[in-house]
């Protein structure tokens, strides 16, 4: 069952998670690979994105077929296992 929360709030969650990921990886690949906390934070934010995408209405997703919505949700489902 889809959440009754407004789609704009889920889109804001996605944008916020992307911004956080960008800040986590701003130090470069070496810093990222040497920091379990940066890796954990990034994975958590990717899961947040997947959950938010899963809550978006199908009508909105159909308006943007260029975005791999299913792949995003599938990654989230894989990551939480």
Protein backbone atom coordinates (compact mmCIF):
# COMPACT_ATOMS: atom_id res chain seq x y z
CA UNK A 1 0.00 0.00 0.00
CA UNK A 2 1.34 3.41 -0.96
CA UNK A 3 1.92 6.03 1.68
CA UNK A 4 -0.49 8.98 1.95
CA UNK A 5 2.46 11.34 2.28
CA UNK A 6 2.71 13.84 -0.58
CA UNK A 7 5.01 12.85 -3.46
CA UNK A 8 6.90 16.15 -3.17
CA UNK A 9 8.08 15.11 0.30
CA UNK A 10 9.45 11.84 -1.05
CA UNK A 11 11.20 13.73 -3.85
CA UNK A 12 12.72 16.04 -1.24
CA UNK A 13 13.91 12.98 0.70
CA UNK A 14 15.58 11.69 -2.47
CA UNK A 15 17.27 15.01 -3.16
CA UNK A 16 18.47 15.30 0.42
CA UNK A 17 19.89 11.76 0.31
CA UNK A 18 21.71 12.52 -2.95
CA UNK A 19 23.20 15.68 -1.44
CA UNK A 20 24.37 13.72 1.61
CA UNK A 21 25.97 11.05 -0.58
CA UNK A 22 27.75 13.75 -2.57
CA UNK A 23 29.15 15.17 0.67
CA UNK A 24 30.26 11.71 1.82
CA UNK A 25 32.22 11.05 -1.36
CA UNK A 26 33.66 14.55 -1.78
CA UNK A 27 36.99 13.43 -0.28
CA UNK A 28 37.60 11.06 -3.14
CA UNK A 29 37.75 7.34 -3.69
CA UNK A 30 40.62 6.61 -1.30
CA UNK A 31 38.98 8.37 1.63
CA UNK A 32 35.70 6.63 0.90
CA UNK A 33 37.24 3.14 0.70
CA UNK A 34 39.18 3.73 3.92
CA UNK A 35 36.16 4.87 5.90
CA UNK A 36 33.59 2.29 6.96
CA UNK A 37 31.41 5.09 8.35
CA UNK A 38 31.31 6.87 4.98
CA UNK A 39 30.45 3.56 3.31
CA UNK A 40 27.71 2.85 5.86
CA UNK A 41 26.28 6.34 5.50
CA UNK A 42 26.25 6.06 1.74
CA UNK A 43 24.54 2.69 1.83
CA UNK A 44 21.93 4.02 4.25
CA UNK A 45 21.19 6.98 1.98
CA UNK A 46 20.93 4.69 -1.06
CA UNK A 47 18.40 2.63 0.88
CA UNK A 48 16.54 5.83 1.75
CA UNK A 49 16.37 6.73 -1.94
CA UNK A 50 15.04 3.28 -2.82
CA UNK A 51 12.37 3.44 -0.15
CA UNK A 52 11.28 6.92 -1.21
CA UNK A 53 11.12 5.85 -4.87
CA UNK A 54 9.01 2.87 -3.87
CA UNK A 55 6.51 5.24 -2.27
CA UNK A 56 6.14 7.51 -5.29
CA UNK A 57 2.88 7.20 -7.22
CA UNK A 58 3.05 5.15 -10.40
CA UNK A 59 1.63 8.08 -12.37
CA UNK A 60 4.63 10.22 -11.48
CA UNK A 61 7.08 7.46 -12.39
CA UNK A 62 5.31 6.89 -15.71
CA UNK A 63 5.85 10.56 -16.56
CA UNK A 64 9.62 9.97 -16.30
CA UNK A 65 10.37 6.64 -18.00
CA UNK A 66 14.01 7.67 -18.51
CA UNK A 67 14.63 7.06 -14.79
CA UNK A 68 15.24 3.40 -13.90
CA UNK A 69 12.71 3.38 -11.04
CA UNK A 70 12.51 -0.41 -10.78
CA UNK A 71 16.30 -0.74 -10.66
CA UNK A 72 16.47 1.78 -7.81
CA UNK A 73 13.89 -0.12 -5.76
CA UNK A 74 15.51 -3.46 -6.62
CA UNK A 75 18.89 -2.18 -5.39
CA UNK A 76 17.30 -1.08 -2.13
CA UNK A 77 15.73 -4.50 -1.69
CA UNK A 78 19.06 -6.20 -2.35
CA UNK A 79 20.95 -3.88 -0.01
CA UNK A 80 18.71 -4.51 2.99
CA UNK A 81 19.14 -8.29 2.84
